[in-house]
Amino acid sequence: MTQATPPQKALPSPLSCLTGSLLAGTMSIAMYTMTIKIATTFAAHPMTQKTTMAINIASALKTLVVGATALGTGIFGIISIGLIGLALQVAFSKKQSQ
């Protein structure tokens, strides 16, 4: 039995990497502003309930919402930085191969 080698994929162009990085950076900035607005809204409107269970559930949900948006902010920021690094790597590897 012979093993088939997988086909070699072409590297993306630096322009497409930078375009993706710009899009991911824009999403990261948008998620950051959304996180700040959500957190300030939650801080400005405290719970009016008196029961402990309602306060605990509301606190957990607030933490979950702010944490999810902060996680999205971080992930899109890391993707943006990684795509910039990939664009640099592809640009310099094409120069070296020529």
N, C-alpha and C. Protein backbone atom coordinates (compact mmCIF):
# COMPACT_ATOMS: atom_id res chain seq x y z
N MET A 1 0.83 -1.18 0.00
CA MET A 1 0.00 0.00 0.00
C MET A 1 0.88 1.25 0.00
N THR A 2 0.56 2.17 -0.83
CA THR A 2 1.32 3.41 -0.88
C THR A 2 0.50 4.52 -0.25
N GLN A 3 1.21 5.39 0.40
CA GLN A 3 0.53 6.52 1.03
C GLN A 3 0.49 7.68 0.05
N ALA A 4 -0.65 8.28 -0.06
CA ALA A 4 -0.78 9.45 -0.92
C ALA A 4 -0.38 10.68 -0.13
N THR A 5 0.44 11.50 -0.73
CA THR A 5 0.84 12.73 -0.06
C THR A 5 -0.26 13.77 -0.25
N PRO A 6 -0.55 14.51 0.78
CA PRO A 6 -1.58 15.54 0.64
C PRO A 6 -1.10 16.64 -0.29
N PRO A 7 -2.01 17.24 -1.02
CA PRO A 7 -1.59 18.31 -1.93
C PRO A 7 -1.10 19.53 -1.15
N GLN A 8 -0.09 20.19 -1.68
CA GLN A 8 0.46 21.37 -1.03
C GLN A 8 -0.46 22.56 -1.28
N LYS A 9 -0.78 23.26 -0.21
CA LYS A 9 -1.64 24.42 -0.33
C LYS A 9 -0.77 25.66 -0.53
N ALA A 10 -1.24 26.56 -1.35
CA ALA A 10 -0.51 27.80 -1.58
C ALA A 10 -0.66 28.71 -0.36
N LEU A 11 0.37 29.47 -0.10
CA LEU A 11 0.31 30.41 1.02
C LEU A 11 -0.61 31.58 0.66
N PRO A 12 -1.27 32.14 1.66
CA PRO A 12 -2.11 33.31 1.38
C PRO A 12 -1.23 34.51 1.07
N SER A 13 -1.80 35.46 0.38
CA SER A 13 -1.02 36.67 0.07
C SER A 13 -0.97 37.56 1.31
N PRO A 14 0.08 38.38 1.41
CA PRO A 14 0.15 39.30 2.55
C PRO A 14 -1.03 40.27 2.60
N LEU A 15 -1.55 40.64 1.42
CA LEU A 15 -2.68 41.56 1.40
C LEU A 15 -3.93 40.92 2.01
N SER A 16 -4.16 39.65 1.72
CA SER A 16 -5.33 38.99 2.30
C SER A 16 -5.16 38.81 3.81
N CYS A 17 -3.93 38.58 4.25
CA CYS A 17 -3.68 38.49 5.69
C CYS A 17 -3.94 39.82 6.38
N LEU A 18 -3.48 40.90 5.76
CA LEU A 18 -3.68 42.21 6.36
C LEU A 18 -5.15 42.63 6.32
N THR A 19 -5.87 42.23 5.28
CA THR A 19 -7.30 42.51 5.22
C THR A 19 -8.04 41.78 6.34
N GLY A 20 -7.70 40.52 6.55
CA GLY A 20 -8.30 39.76 7.64
C GLY A 20 -7.94 40.33 8.99
N SER A 21 -6.70 40.81 9.12
CA SER A 21 -6.27 41.42 10.37
C SER A 21 -7.04 42.70 10.64
N LEU A 22 -7.27 43.49 9.60
CA LEU A 22 -8.04 44.72 9.77
C LEU A 22 -9.47 44.41 10.19
N LEU A 23 -10.06 43.39 9.60
CA LEU A 23 -11.42 43.00 9.97
C LEU A 23 -11.48 42.49 11.41
N ALA A 24 -10.52 41.65 11.79
CA ALA A 24 -10.51 41.13 13.15
C ALA A 24 -10.23 42.24 14.17
N GLY A 25 -9.37 43.18 13.81
CA GLY A 25 -9.10 44.31 14.69
C GLY A 25 -10.31 45.19 14.88
N THR A 26 -11.06 45.39 13.81
CA THR A 26 -12.29 46.18 13.89
C THR A 26 -13.31 45.48 14.79
N MET A 27 -13.42 44.15 14.62
CA MET A 27 -14.34 43.39 15.48
C MET A 27 -13.90 43.47 16.94
N SER A 28 -12.60 43.43 17.17
CA SER A 28 -12.09 43.51 18.54
C SER A 28 -12.41 44.85 19.18
N ILE A 29 -12.23 45.92 18.43
CA ILE A 29 -12.55 47.25 18.95
C ILE A 29 -14.05 47.38 19.21
N ALA A 30 -14.86 46.85 18.30
CA ALA A 30 -16.31 46.90 18.50
C ALA A 30 -16.73 46.10 19.73
N MET A 31 -16.13 44.92 19.91
CA MET A 31 -16.46 44.11 21.09
C MET A 31 -15.97 44.79 22.38
N TYR A 32 -14.85 45.50 22.31
CA TYR A 32 -14.35 46.22 23.48
C TYR A 32 -15.32 47.33 23.89
N THR A 33 -15.78 48.11 22.92
CA THR A 33 -16.72 49.17 23.27
C THR A 33 -18.03 48.59 23.79
N MET A 34 -18.45 47.46 23.22
CA MET A 34 -19.67 46.82 23.70
C MET A 34 -19.48 46.31 25.14
N THR A 35 -18.31 45.76 25.44
CA THR A 35 -18.03 45.28 26.79
C THR A 35 -18.07 46.43 27.79
N ILE A 36 -17.47 47.54 27.45
CA ILE A 36 -17.46 48.70 28.34
C ILE A 36 -18.88 49.23 28.56
N LYS A 37 -19.66 49.31 27.49
CA LYS A 37 -21.03 49.82 27.63
C LYS A 37 -21.90 48.87 28.46
N ILE A 38 -21.74 47.58 28.27
CA ILE A 38 -22.52 46.61 29.06
C ILE A 38 -22.13 46.70 30.53
N ALA A 39 -20.83 46.76 30.80
CA ALA A 39 -20.36 46.82 32.19
C ALA A 39 -20.84 48.09 32.89
N THR A 40 -20.79 49.22 32.19
CA THR A 40 -21.25 50.46 32.83
C THR A 40 -22.77 50.47 33.01
N THR A 41 -23.49 49.84 32.10
CA THR A 41 -24.94 49.74 32.26
C THR A 41 -25.29 48.88 33.46
N PHE A 42 -24.60 47.76 33.60
CA PHE A 42 -24.85 46.91 34.77
C PHE A 42 -24.48 47.61 36.06
N ALA A 43 -23.42 48.41 36.06
CA ALA A 43 -23.01 49.13 37.27
C ALA A 43 -23.97 50.26 37.60
N ALA A 44 -24.54 50.88 36.58
CA ALA A 44 -25.44 52.01 36.82
C ALA A 44 -26.83 51.58 37.27
N HIS A 45 -27.21 50.34 36.98
CA HIS A 45 -28.54 49.85 37.35
C HIS A 45 -28.42 48.65 38.29
N PRO A 46 -28.28 48.90 39.57
CA PRO A 46 -28.15 47.78 40.51
C PRO A 46 -29.47 47.02 40.67
N MET A 47 -29.35 45.84 41.24
CA MET A 47 -30.54 45.00 41.47
C MET A 47 -31.46 45.65 42.50
N THR A 48 -32.75 45.53 42.27
CA THR A 48 -33.73 46.06 43.22
C THR A 48 -34.40 44.93 44.00
N GLN A 49 -34.10 43.69 43.66
CA GLN A 49 -34.69 42.56 44.36
C GLN A 49 -34.08 42.42 45.76
N LYS A 50 -34.84 41.83 46.64
CA LYS A 50 -34.37 41.63 48.01
C LYS A 50 -33.98 40.18 48.28
N THR A 51 -34.43 39.25 47.44
CA THR A 51 -34.15 37.85 47.72
C THR A 51 -32.72 37.50 47.31
N THR A 52 -32.14 36.65 48.11
CA THR A 52 -30.75 36.26 47.89
C THR A 52 -30.58 35.48 46.59
N MET A 53 -31.53 34.61 46.30
CA MET A 53 -31.41 33.78 45.09
C MET A 53 -31.47 34.64 43.83
N ALA A 54 -32.35 35.62 43.80
CA ALA A 54 -32.46 36.50 42.63
C ALA A 54 -31.19 37.32 42.45
N ILE A 55 -30.62 37.77 43.54
CA ILE A 55 -29.37 38.55 43.46
C ILE A 55 -28.23 37.67 42.97
N ASN A 56 -28.16 36.43 43.45
CA ASN A 56 -27.10 35.53 43.02
C ASN A 56 -27.22 35.17 41.54
N ILE A 57 -28.44 34.91 41.08
CA ILE A 57 -28.64 34.59 39.67
C ILE A 57 -28.31 35.79 38.79
N ALA A 58 -28.74 36.98 39.19
CA ALA A 58 -28.45 38.18 38.41
C ALA A 58 -26.96 38.46 38.37
N SER A 59 -26.29 38.27 39.48
CA SER A 59 -24.85 38.48 39.52
C SER A 59 -24.12 37.49 38.61
N ALA A 60 -24.56 36.24 38.61
CA ALA A 60 -23.93 35.25 37.74
C ALA A 60 -24.17 35.57 36.27
N LEU A 61 -25.36 36.02 35.94
CA LEU A 61 -25.66 36.36 34.55
C LEU A 61 -24.88 37.59 34.09
N LYS A 62 -24.75 38.58 34.96
CA LYS A 62 -23.95 39.76 34.62
C LYS A 62 -22.50 39.38 34.37
N THR A 63 -21.96 38.53 35.23
CA THR A 63 -20.58 38.07 35.06
C THR A 63 -20.42 37.29 33.76
N LEU A 64 -21.40 36.46 33.45
CA LEU A 64 -21.35 35.66 32.22
C LEU A 64 -21.38 36.53 30.98
N VAL A 65 -22.24 37.53 30.96
CA VAL A 65 -22.37 38.40 29.79
C VAL A 65 -21.11 39.24 29.59
N VAL A 66 -20.62 39.86 30.65
CA VAL A 66 -19.42 40.67 30.54
C VAL A 66 -18.21 39.80 30.21
N GLY A 67 -18.13 38.62 30.79
CA GLY A 67 -17.02 37.72 30.50
C GLY A 67 -17.02 37.21 29.07
N ALA A 68 -18.20 36.94 28.53
CA ALA A 68 -18.29 36.46 27.14
C ALA A 68 -17.87 37.55 26.16
N THR A 69 -18.29 38.77 26.39
CA THR A 69 -17.87 39.84 25.49
C THR A 69 -16.39 40.15 25.64
N ALA A 70 -15.86 40.06 26.85
CA ALA A 70 -14.42 40.27 27.05
C ALA A 70 -13.62 39.15 26.39
N LEU A 71 -14.13 37.93 26.43
CA LEU A 71 -13.46 36.82 25.76
C LEU A 71 -13.45 37.03 24.25
N GLY A 72 -14.55 37.48 23.69
CA GLY A 72 -14.59 37.78 22.26
C GLY A 72 -13.61 38.88 21.89
N THR A 73 -13.50 39.90 22.74
CA THR A 73 -12.54 40.97 22.51
C THR A 73 -11.12 40.43 22.45
N GLY A 74 -10.77 39.60 23.40
CA GLY A 74 -9.42 39.05 23.44
C GLY A 74 -9.13 38.12 22.28
N ILE A 75 -10.09 37.30 21.92
CA ILE A 75 -9.87 36.35 20.82
C ILE A 75 -9.68 37.09 19.51
N PHE A 76 -10.54 38.07 19.22
CA PHE A 76 -10.39 38.81 17.98
C PHE A 76 -9.10 39.63 17.96
N GLY A 77 -8.68 40.14 19.11
CA GLY A 77 -7.41 40.86 19.18
C GLY A 77 -6.22 39.96 18.90
N ILE A 78 -6.23 38.75 19.46
CA ILE A 78 -5.14 37.80 19.23
C ILE A 78 -5.13 37.35 17.77
N ILE A 79 -6.30 37.14 17.19
CA ILE A 79 -6.37 36.77 15.77
C ILE A 79 -5.79 37.88 14.90
N SER A 80 -6.10 39.11 15.23
CA SER A 80 -5.58 40.24 14.46
C SER A 80 -4.06 40.30 14.52
N ILE A 81 -3.51 40.12 15.70
CA ILE A 81 -2.04 40.14 15.85
C ILE A 81 -1.41 38.96 15.12
N GLY A 82 -2.04 37.80 15.20
CA GLY A 82 -1.53 36.62 14.51
C GLY A 82 -1.54 36.77 13.00
N LEU A 83 -2.58 37.40 12.47
CA LEU A 83 -2.64 37.62 11.02
C LEU A 83 -1.60 38.63 10.55
N ILE A 84 -1.29 39.61 11.38
CA ILE A 84 -0.20 40.53 11.03
C ILE A 84 1.13 39.78 10.99
N GLY A 85 1.34 38.91 11.98
CA GLY A 85 2.55 38.09 11.98
C GLY A 85 2.62 37.16 10.77
N LEU A 86 1.50 36.59 10.38
CA LEU A 86 1.47 35.72 9.20
C LEU A 86 1.77 36.51 7.93
N ALA A 87 1.24 37.72 7.85
CA ALA A 87 1.52 38.56 6.68
C ALA A 87 3.00 38.87 6.58
N LEU A 88 3.64 39.16 7.71
CA LEU A 88 5.09 39.42 7.70
C LEU A 88 5.86 38.17 7.31
N GLN A 89 5.46 37.04 7.84
CA GLN A 89 6.14 35.78 7.54
C GLN A 89 6.01 35.43 6.06
N VAL A 90 4.82 35.58 5.50
CA VAL A 90 4.61 35.26 4.09
C VAL A 90 5.39 36.24 3.21
N ALA A 91 5.39 37.52 3.58
CA ALA A 91 6.10 38.52 2.77
C ALA A 91 7.60 38.24 2.75
N PHE A 92 8.18 37.89 3.89
CA PHE A 92 9.61 37.65 3.93
C PHE A 92 9.98 36.29 3.36
N SER A 93 9.09 35.31 3.46
CA SER A 93 9.41 34.00 2.88
C SER A 93 9.36 34.04 1.36
N LYS A 94 8.50 34.87 0.79
CA LYS A 94 8.45 35.01 -0.67
C LYS A 94 9.70 35.71 -1.17
N LYS A 95 10.21 36.69 -0.42
CA LYS A 95 11.42 37.39 -0.82
C LYS A 95 12.62 36.45 -0.77
N GLN A 96 12.69 35.60 0.24
CA GLN A 96 13.82 34.68 0.37
C GLN A 96 13.79 33.59 -0.69
N SER A 97 12.61 33.14 -1.10
CA SER A 97 12.53 32.07 -2.07
C SER A 97 12.83 32.56 -3.49
N GLN A 98 12.71 33.87 -3.73
CA GLN A 98 12.97 34.38 -5.07
C GLN A 98 14.40 34.68 -5.32
